[in-house]
Amino acid sequence: MTAPAAPAQPVDPVRPPRVDAHQHLWRLARGDYRWLRADVPALAPIHRDFEPDDLLPLLQAHGVSQTVLVQAADSEAETEYMLQLATLHGWIGGVVGWVDLSRRESVPALRRWAGHPKFKGVRPMLQDLPEADWIARLPHPEVMACIADLGLRVDALVQPWHLSHLLRFLDRHPDLPVVIDHAAKPQLASRDEAGGWHADWAQPWRAGMTELASRPGLHCKVSGLLTEADGAARAGGAAGRQALQPVWHLLRSTFGPQRLIWGSDWPVLNLAADYAAWIALSDELMQDLSPEEQRAIRHDNAVAFYGLTL
């Protein structure tokens, strides 16, 4: 039996139903979430199952009409699991799975999944790989050609030290739809004597993101930022706004409202704040935009980028 979809929301020409373009679901007994370790105290709040019934009340409370379910394990089995969930739950509008981009043996899986209308793309877990330049050197040409032929997208899970290598990848695949997850994770909790925005990561992040934004087909997700902050800023509110304002200013001025996509990164978000706090803070950051620009970031850009069916 198909589970209930999120209830239909009134269509508001200024502020339409929101799309959450980045969320996860997991079942620990599946056994392939190697990063989600019980012996890491910082992960204790999310070291449990997160199922569709845990998320649906949040979607209903905040007018979220669809989500994009993104991989959390580097296994093809998890992609199969996510596609099963997407079949059962109408509010999962798209799935971003995982394959090893470096192995030509990944092609059959991609072609098989492409038969599912909600399979939208893949995400290599670049932040967890030992080689910072992996994305620039190792993707197999036949796998990349298959991704292009199937009209799939790539989510780039990167950090500041990956940005120059991501540029090389984009130069090799200029027509590939790519979105940077979590604004490349600016290291807001990093501190030196002069403060976080003067630490070693900050200048390469600014320069790299500015250069990346010059690629017209590249998008960026406004997501996963509070978990990069520290102290009171992690909970959102005024401290959160102060911490994230420089990030928002750069994203707005480089990518512009037509290439920014809103997401929650739930349930990883729970390590810092709750769903309502992130919505409130991100909406506050967007207050200086026009209603049409806000609509684009909250809804339209995700629909267009991932090819979601309304």
Protein backbone atom coordinates (compact mmCIF):
# COMPACT_ATOMS: atom_id res chain seq x y z
CA MET A 1 0.00 0.00 0.00
CA THR A 2 1.30 3.45 -0.88
CA ALA A 3 1.86 5.71 2.13
CA PRO A 4 0.03 9.05 2.24
CA ALA A 5 1.63 11.92 0.42
CA ALA A 6 2.19 15.28 2.01
CA PRO A 7 -1.11 17.17 1.82
CA ALA A 8 -1.66 19.48 -1.08
CA GLN A 9 -0.89 23.08 -0.21
CA PRO A 10 -2.71 26.14 -1.56
CA VAL A 11 -0.83 27.58 -4.53
CA ASP A 12 0.46 30.99 -3.52
CA PRO A 13 1.90 33.00 -6.43
CA VAL A 14 4.39 34.69 -4.08
CA ARG A 15 5.38 31.88 -1.73
CA PRO A 16 4.59 28.43 -3.16
CA PRO A 17 4.98 25.09 -1.41
CA ARG A 18 8.58 24.46 -0.52
CA VAL A 19 10.77 21.71 -1.99
CA ASP A 20 13.36 20.23 0.36
CA ALA A 21 16.12 19.44 -2.12
CA HIS A 22 18.36 17.59 0.32
CA GLN A 23 17.30 15.09 2.96
CA HIS A 24 18.23 11.57 4.04
CA LEU A 25 16.53 8.49 5.40
CA TRP A 26 18.36 5.52 6.85
CA ARG A 27 17.86 2.21 8.59
CA LEU A 28 20.92 1.25 10.62
CA ALA A 29 20.34 -2.50 10.33
CA ARG A 30 21.11 -2.23 6.60
CA GLY A 31 24.73 -1.97 7.72
CA ASP A 32 26.40 0.22 5.09
CA TYR A 33 26.47 3.63 6.81
CA ARG A 34 30.15 3.38 7.71
CA TRP A 35 30.47 7.02 8.73
CA LEU A 36 27.55 6.81 11.20
CA ARG A 37 29.45 5.14 14.02
CA ALA A 38 28.11 4.32 17.47
CA ASP A 39 31.52 5.06 19.03
CA VAL A 40 31.47 8.72 17.93
CA PRO A 41 29.70 10.67 20.70
CA ALA A 42 29.03 13.67 18.46
CA LEU A 43 26.86 11.49 16.21
CA ALA A 44 24.72 10.08 19.04
CA PRO A 45 21.67 12.31 18.26
CA ILE A 46 21.36 10.79 14.78
CA HIS A 47 22.58 7.26 15.48
CA ARG A 48 19.15 5.73 15.07
CA ASP A 49 16.75 4.92 12.28
CA PHE A 50 15.17 7.82 10.42
CA GLU A 51 12.16 6.60 8.48
CA PRO A 52 9.56 8.34 6.29
CA ASP A 53 7.12 8.58 9.20
CA ASP A 54 9.70 10.63 11.12
CA LEU A 55 9.94 13.23 8.37
CA LEU A 56 6.37 13.46 7.09
CA PRO A 57 5.00 15.52 10.05
CA LEU A 58 7.75 18.11 9.47
CA LEU A 59 6.90 18.35 5.79
CA GLN A 60 3.22 18.78 6.56
CA ALA A 61 3.90 21.43 9.22
CA HIS A 62 6.06 23.54 6.92
CA GLY A 63 4.33 23.24 3.56
CA VAL A 64 6.99 21.07 1.94
CA SER A 65 5.41 19.46 -1.10
CA GLN A 66 8.33 17.32 -2.28
CA THR A 67 11.81 16.26 -1.22
CA VAL A 68 14.95 14.97 -2.89
CA LEU A 69 16.27 11.91 -1.08
CA VAL A 70 20.08 11.84 -1.18
CA GLN A 71 22.42 8.91 -0.56
CA ALA A 72 24.10 8.46 2.81
CA ALA A 73 26.07 5.28 2.08
CA ASP A 74 28.60 4.42 -0.62
CA SER A 75 26.74 1.34 -1.80
CA GLU A 76 24.48 0.50 -4.71
CA ALA A 77 22.27 -1.38 -2.25
CA GLU A 78 21.32 1.88 -0.55
CA THR A 79 20.27 3.36 -3.88
CA GLU A 80 17.97 0.37 -4.39
CA TYR A 81 16.57 0.99 -0.90
CA MET A 82 15.93 4.67 -1.62
CA LEU A 83 14.17 3.91 -4.88
CA GLN A 84 11.90 1.49 -3.02
CA LEU A 85 11.03 4.28 -0.58
CA ALA A 86 10.39 6.69 -3.45
CA THR A 87 7.99 4.20 -5.01
CA LEU A 88 6.02 4.02 -1.76
CA HIS A 89 5.99 7.72 -0.82
CA GLY A 90 4.66 10.28 -3.25
CA TRP A 91 6.36 13.20 -1.52
CA ILE A 92 9.81 11.82 -2.39
CA GLY A 93 10.12 13.55 -5.74
CA GLY A 94 13.64 12.48 -6.60
CA VAL A 95 16.48 10.18 -5.55
CA VAL A 96 20.20 10.93 -5.78
CA GLY A 97 22.05 7.63 -5.44
CA TRP A 98 25.60 6.34 -5.44
CA VAL A 99 27.81 4.41 -7.81
CA ASP A 100 31.57 4.18 -8.04
CA LEU A 101 32.24 6.64 -10.84
CA SER A 102 35.69 5.14 -11.36
CA ARG A 103 34.45 1.66 -12.40
CA ARG A 104 32.99 0.98 -15.83
CA GLU A 105 31.01 -1.82 -14.13
CA SER A 106 28.77 0.90 -12.70
CA VAL A 107 27.14 1.50 -16.09
CA PRO A 108 24.56 -1.35 -15.87
CA ALA A 109 23.30 -0.11 -12.50
CA LEU A 110 22.87 3.41 -13.84
CA ARG A 111 20.96 2.15 -16.86
CA ARG A 112 18.75 -0.03 -14.66
CA TRP A 113 17.93 2.75 -12.20
CA ALA A 114 17.23 5.17 -15.03
CA GLY A 115 14.07 3.18 -15.67
CA HIS A 116 12.70 4.52 -12.38
CA PRO A 117 11.08 7.94 -12.96
CA LYS A 118 12.39 9.30 -9.66
CA PHE A 119 16.06 8.44 -10.17
CA LYS A 120 17.64 11.84 -10.79
CA GLY A 121 21.38 11.59 -10.24
CA VAL A 122 24.38 10.37 -8.31
CA ARG A 123 26.60 11.65 -5.54
CA PRO A 124 30.15 10.42 -4.97
CA MET A 125 31.10 10.88 -1.31
CA LEU A 126 34.10 13.05 -2.18
CA GLN A 127 34.57 14.47 1.30
CA ASP A 128 35.31 10.98 2.65
CA LEU A 129 37.85 9.96 0.01
CA PRO A 130 41.58 10.16 0.85
CA GLU A 131 42.51 11.83 -2.46
CA ALA A 132 41.35 15.44 -2.64
CA ASP A 133 41.74 15.38 -6.43
CA TRP A 134 39.78 12.13 -6.98
CA ILE A 135 36.97 13.85 -8.90
CA ALA A 136 39.47 15.41 -11.32
CA ARG A 137 41.40 12.20 -12.07
CA LEU A 138 39.47 9.00 -11.55
CA PRO A 139 35.89 9.07 -12.95
CA HIS A 140 35.74 6.54 -15.81
CA PRO A 141 34.94 8.02 -19.24
CA GLU A 142 32.28 5.38 -19.96
CA VAL A 143 30.52 6.06 -16.66
CA MET A 144 30.53 9.79 -17.26
CA ALA A 145 29.27 9.29 -20.81
CA CYS A 146 26.45 7.12 -19.45
CA ILE A 147 25.47 9.78 -16.91
CA ALA A 148 25.32 12.35 -19.69
CA ASP A 149 23.38 10.06 -22.03
CA LEU A 150 20.79 9.33 -19.35
CA GLY A 151 20.33 13.01 -18.49
CA LEU A 152 21.41 12.52 -14.87
CA ARG A 153 22.81 15.08 -12.45
CA VAL A 154 25.80 15.01 -10.10
CA ASP A 155 25.71 16.24 -6.51
CA ALA A 156 29.18 17.33 -5.38
CA LEU A 157 29.77 16.65 -1.68
CA VAL A 158 32.90 18.75 -1.31
CA GLN A 159 34.80 20.86 1.18
CA PRO A 160 36.96 23.94 0.53
CA TRP A 161 40.09 21.94 -0.37
CA HIS A 162 38.22 20.11 -3.15
CA LEU A 163 37.17 23.20 -5.07
CA SER A 164 40.14 23.55 -7.43
CA HIS A 165 39.76 19.87 -8.36
CA LEU A 166 36.03 20.26 -8.91
CA LEU A 167 36.84 23.07 -11.33
CA ARG A 168 38.99 20.68 -13.36
CA PHE A 169 36.16 18.15 -13.41
CA LEU A 170 33.68 20.78 -14.62
CA ASP A 171 36.08 21.93 -17.32
CA ARG A 172 36.16 18.33 -18.57
CA HIS A 173 32.35 18.00 -18.41
CA PRO A 174 31.02 21.51 -19.10
CA ASP A 175 27.51 20.40 -20.04
CA LEU A 176 26.94 18.12 -17.04
CA PRO A 177 24.33 19.40 -14.54
CA VAL A 178 26.19 19.67 -11.20
CA VAL A 179 25.12 21.08 -7.85
CA ILE A 180 27.47 21.80 -4.94
CA ASP A 181 26.05 20.40 -1.72
CA HIS A 182 26.03 22.52 1.45
CA ALA A 183 27.87 25.43 -0.23
CA ALA A 184 31.06 23.31 -0.08
CA LYS A 185 30.92 23.27 3.71
CA PRO A 186 32.58 26.55 4.75
CA GLN A 187 34.45 25.69 7.95
CA LEU A 188 32.64 28.18 10.17
CA ALA A 189 33.72 26.48 13.41
CA SER A 190 37.39 26.74 12.46
CA ARG A 191 39.16 29.29 14.58
CA ASP A 192 42.50 31.03 14.58
CA GLU A 193 43.76 34.07 16.48
CA ALA A 194 41.97 36.44 14.11
CA GLY A 195 38.69 34.50 13.89
CA GLY A 196 37.09 31.95 11.59
CA TRP A 197 36.87 34.11 8.44
CA HIS A 198 40.63 34.68 8.58
CA ALA A 199 41.50 31.01 9.00
CA ASP A 200 43.32 29.07 6.28
CA TRP A 201 40.13 27.70 4.70
CA ALA A 202 38.37 31.03 4.14
CA GLN A 203 40.28 32.59 1.26
CA PRO A 204 40.40 29.38 -0.83
CA TRP A 205 36.67 28.86 -0.18
CA ARG A 206 35.79 32.38 -1.31
CA ALA A 207 38.05 32.22 -4.36
CA GLY A 208 37.01 28.71 -5.31
CA MET A 209 33.28 29.36 -4.98
CA THR A 210 33.58 32.59 -6.97
CA GLU A 211 35.40 30.79 -9.78
CA LEU A 212 32.95 27.89 -9.72
CA ALA A 213 30.00 30.27 -9.91
CA SER A 214 31.35 31.56 -13.23
CA ARG A 215 30.32 28.20 -14.75
CA PRO A 216 26.76 29.03 -15.81
CA GLY A 217 25.36 25.52 -15.46
CA LEU A 218 26.55 24.98 -11.90
CA HIS A 219 24.09 25.24 -9.00
CA CYS A 220 24.64 25.41 -5.25
CA LYS A 221 22.55 24.17 -2.32
CA VAL A 222 21.81 26.43 0.63
CA SER A 223 21.85 23.56 3.09
CA GLY A 224 23.98 21.90 5.76
CA LEU A 225 25.41 25.18 7.06
CA LEU A 226 24.41 25.24 10.72
CA THR A 227 26.26 21.99 11.36
CA GLU A 228 29.44 23.74 10.18
CA ALA A 229 29.04 26.50 12.79
CA ASP A 230 29.86 26.35 16.50
CA GLY A 231 28.53 27.64 19.79
CA ALA A 232 25.19 29.41 19.88
CA ALA A 233 25.20 29.82 16.09
CA ARG A 234 24.44 26.13 15.59
CA ALA A 235 20.93 26.60 16.96
CA GLY A 236 20.08 29.33 14.45
CA GLY A 237 18.52 32.58 15.66
CA ALA A 238 20.49 35.81 15.77
CA ALA A 239 23.82 34.07 16.36
CA GLY A 240 23.18 31.77 13.43
CA ARG A 241 22.34 34.66 11.17
CA GLN A 242 25.53 36.48 12.14
CA ALA A 243 27.62 33.38 11.40
CA LEU A 244 25.97 32.62 8.06
CA GLN A 245 25.59 36.15 6.70
CA PRO A 246 29.02 36.19 5.00
CA VAL A 247 28.26 32.81 3.39
CA TRP A 248 24.88 34.01 2.17
CA HIS A 249 26.32 37.26 0.85
CA LEU A 250 28.89 35.43 -1.28
CA LEU A 251 26.40 32.85 -2.58
CA ARG A 252 23.86 35.49 -3.49
CA SER A 253 26.39 37.73 -5.22
CA THR A 254 28.09 34.94 -7.20
CA PHE A 255 25.50 32.26 -8.01
CA GLY A 256 22.50 34.57 -7.84
CA PRO A 257 18.95 33.54 -6.88
CA GLN A 258 18.43 31.51 -10.07
CA ARG A 259 21.13 28.96 -9.23
CA LEU A 260 20.66 28.54 -5.49
CA ILE A 261 18.58 25.63 -4.18
CA TRP A 262 17.21 25.31 -0.64
CA GLY A 263 17.54 22.10 1.36
CA SER A 264 17.49 20.98 4.97
CA ASP A 265 20.09 18.18 5.20
CA TRP A 266 17.69 16.52 7.67
CA PRO A 267 18.33 14.51 9.83
CA VAL A 268 22.01 15.55 9.92
CA LEU A 269 20.54 18.99 10.65
CA ASN A 270 19.46 17.61 14.04
CA LEU A 271 23.08 17.72 15.21
CA ALA A 272 22.72 21.50 15.34
CA ALA A 273 19.12 22.72 15.14
CA ASP A 274 15.63 21.55 14.26
CA TYR A 275 13.73 21.81 10.98
CA ALA A 276 11.74 24.87 12.05
CA ALA A 277 14.84 26.78 13.18
CA TRP A 278 16.60 26.22 9.85
CA ILE A 279 13.55 27.30 7.86
CA ALA A 280 13.22 30.44 9.98
CA LEU A 281 16.88 31.35 9.60
CA SER A 282 17.13 30.66 5.87
CA ASP A 283 13.93 32.63 5.25
CA GLU A 284 15.39 35.52 7.23
CA LEU A 285 18.56 35.47 5.15
CA MET A 286 16.45 35.67 2.00
CA GLN A 287 14.37 38.64 3.13
CA ASP A 288 16.31 41.06 0.94
CA LEU A 289 15.31 39.18 -2.21
CA SER A 290 12.19 39.78 -4.25
CA PRO A 291 9.25 37.37 -3.78
CA GLU A 292 10.03 35.83 -7.17
CA GLU A 293 13.67 35.28 -6.24
CA GLN A 294 12.70 33.70 -2.93
CA ARG A 295 10.27 31.41 -4.75
CA ALA A 296 13.06 30.34 -7.08
CA ILE A 297 15.36 29.31 -4.24
CA ARG A 298 12.69 27.61 -2.14
CA HIS A 299 10.96 25.78 -4.95
CA ASP A 300 11.42 26.50 -8.66
CA ASN A 301 15.17 25.91 -8.98
CA ALA A 302 14.95 22.46 -7.39
CA VAL A 303 12.05 21.49 -9.64
CA ALA A 304 13.93 22.60 -12.74
CA PHE A 305 17.35 21.23 -11.82
CA TYR A 306 16.16 17.77 -10.77
CA GLY A 307 13.28 17.55 -13.24
CA LEU A 308 10.71 16.98 -10.52
CA THR A 309 7.14 16.21 -11.53
CA LEU A 310 4.63 18.54 -9.87
